[in-house]
Amino acid sequence: MKAQELREKSIDELNGLLEENLREQFALRIRRGAGKLEQTHLKGEVRKTVARIKTIITEKQGD
């Protein structure tokens, strides 16, 4: 998800997205450890999305 799309959401929506992405990140980590993750690029994408969401939440809380 692009940063501009995330900036349009409320803090509550961002917190929900953050929780969802953290769960997905955990699931990908487990699958990678079990050797069943074929699309290894997803792990990095989710990690960057989590960072984007956290950054935007921090920006909004500063306003």
C-alpha atoms as a PDB file:
ATOM      1  CA  MET A   1       0.000   0.000   0.000  1.00  0.00           C
ATOM      2  CA  LYS A   2       1.331   3.426  -0.915  1.00  0.00           C
ATOM      3  CA  ALA A   3       2.114   6.036   1.718  1.00  0.00           C
ATOM      4  CA  GLN A   4      -0.380   8.498   0.226  1.00  0.00           C
ATOM      5  CA  GLU A   5      -3.196   5.954   0.611  1.00  0.00           C
ATOM      6  CA  LEU A   6      -2.163   5.365   4.214  1.00  0.00           C
ATOM      7  CA  ARG A   7      -2.130   9.091   5.007  1.00  0.00           C
ATOM      8  CA  GLU A   8      -5.811   9.307   4.037  1.00  0.00           C
ATOM      9  CA  LYS A   9      -6.795   6.788   6.730  1.00  0.00           C
ATOM     10  CA  SER A  10      -7.568   7.532  10.377  1.00  0.00           C
ATOM     11  CA  ILE A  11      -5.319   6.424  13.226  1.00  0.00           C
ATOM     12  CA  ASP A  12      -7.806   3.684  14.186  1.00  0.00           C
ATOM     13  CA  GLU A  13      -7.778   2.307  10.643  1.00  0.00           C
ATOM     14  CA  LEU A  14      -3.983   2.450  10.598  1.00  0.00           C
ATOM     15  CA  ASN A  15      -3.780   0.559  13.893  1.00  0.00           C
ATOM     16  CA  GLY A  16      -6.036  -2.127  12.428  1.00  0.00           C
ATOM     17  CA  LEU A  17      -3.856  -2.368   9.326  1.00  0.00           C
ATOM     18  CA  LEU A  18      -0.755  -2.517  11.501  1.00  0.00           C
ATOM     19  CA  GLU A  19      -2.133  -5.427  13.508  1.00  0.00           C
ATOM     20  CA  GLU A  20      -3.147  -7.234  10.323  1.00  0.00           C
ATOM     21  CA  ASN A  21       0.297  -6.763   8.761  1.00  0.00           C
ATOM     22  CA  LEU A  22       2.100  -7.863  11.919  1.00  0.00           C
ATOM     23  CA  ARG A  23       0.062 -11.072  11.915  1.00  0.00           C
ATOM     24  CA  GLU A  24       0.910 -11.625   8.252  1.00  0.00           C
ATOM     25  CA  GLN A  25       4.583 -10.955   8.974  1.00  0.00           C
ATOM     26  CA  PHE A  26       4.536 -13.558  11.738  1.00  0.00           C
ATOM     27  CA  ALA A  27       2.835 -16.121   9.487  1.00  0.00           C
ATOM     28  CA  LEU A  28       5.413 -15.532   6.746  1.00  0.00           C
ATOM     29  CA  ARG A  29       8.253 -15.938   9.243  1.00  0.00           C
ATOM     30  CA  ILE A  30       6.815 -19.266  10.413  1.00  0.00           C
ATOM     31  CA  ARG A  31       6.331 -20.517   6.845  1.00  0.00           C
ATOM     32  CA  ARG A  32       9.875 -19.464   5.937  1.00  0.00           C
ATOM     33  CA  GLY A  33      11.248 -21.360   8.921  1.00  0.00           C
ATOM     34  CA  ALA A  34       9.314 -24.445   7.884  1.00  0.00           C
ATOM     35  CA  GLY A  35      10.678 -24.131   4.356  1.00  0.00           C
ATOM     36  CA  LYS A  36       7.262 -23.656   2.787  1.00  0.00           C
ATOM     37  CA  LEU A  37       7.559 -20.025   1.698  1.00  0.00           C
ATOM     38  CA  GLU A  38       8.069 -19.879  -2.065  1.00  0.00           C
ATOM     39  CA  GLN A  39       7.485 -16.152  -2.518  1.00  0.00           C
ATOM     40  CA  THR A  40      10.295 -14.897  -0.325  1.00  0.00           C
ATOM     41  CA  HIS A  41       9.873 -11.290  -1.489  1.00  0.00           C
ATOM     42  CA  LEU A  42       6.622 -11.031   0.483  1.00  0.00           C
ATOM     43  CA  LYS A  43       8.494 -10.985   3.785  1.00  0.00           C
ATOM     44  CA  GLY A  44      10.367  -7.812   2.825  1.00  0.00           C
ATOM     45  CA  GLU A  45       7.276  -6.149   1.398  1.00  0.00           C
ATOM     46  CA  VAL A  46       5.292  -6.711   4.583  1.00  0.00           C
ATOM     47  CA  ARG A  47       8.200  -5.473   6.709  1.00  0.00           C
ATOM     48  CA  LYS A  48       8.356  -2.238   4.711  1.00  0.00           C
ATOM     49  CA  THR A  49       4.584  -1.811   4.897  1.00  0.00           C
ATOM     50  CA  VAL A  50       4.723  -2.157   8.693  1.00  0.00           C
ATOM     51  CA  ALA A  51       7.429   0.514   8.800  1.00  0.00           C
ATOM     52  CA  ARG A  52       5.349   2.836   6.589  1.00  0.00           C
ATOM     53  CA  ILE A  53       2.286   2.414   8.785  1.00  0.00           C
ATOM     54  CA  LYS A  54       4.262   3.058  11.985  1.00  0.00           C
ATOM     55  CA  THR A  55       5.829   6.175  10.463  1.00  0.00           C
ATOM     56  CA  ILE A  56       2.475   7.615   9.413  1.00  0.00           C
ATOM     57  CA  ILE A  57       0.911   6.850  12.808  1.00  0.00           C
ATOM     58  CA  THR A  58       3.780   8.763  14.446  1.00  0.00           C
ATOM     59  CA  GLU A  59       3.303  11.677  12.029  1.00  0.00           C
ATOM     60  CA  LYS A  60      -0.425  11.859  12.758  1.00  0.00           C
ATOM     61  CA  GLN A  61       0.074  11.702  16.525  1.00  0.00           C
ATOM     62  CA  GLY A  62       2.441  14.666  16.293  1.00  0.00           C
ATOM     63  CA  ASP A  63      -0.233  16.865  14.692  1.00  0.00           C
END
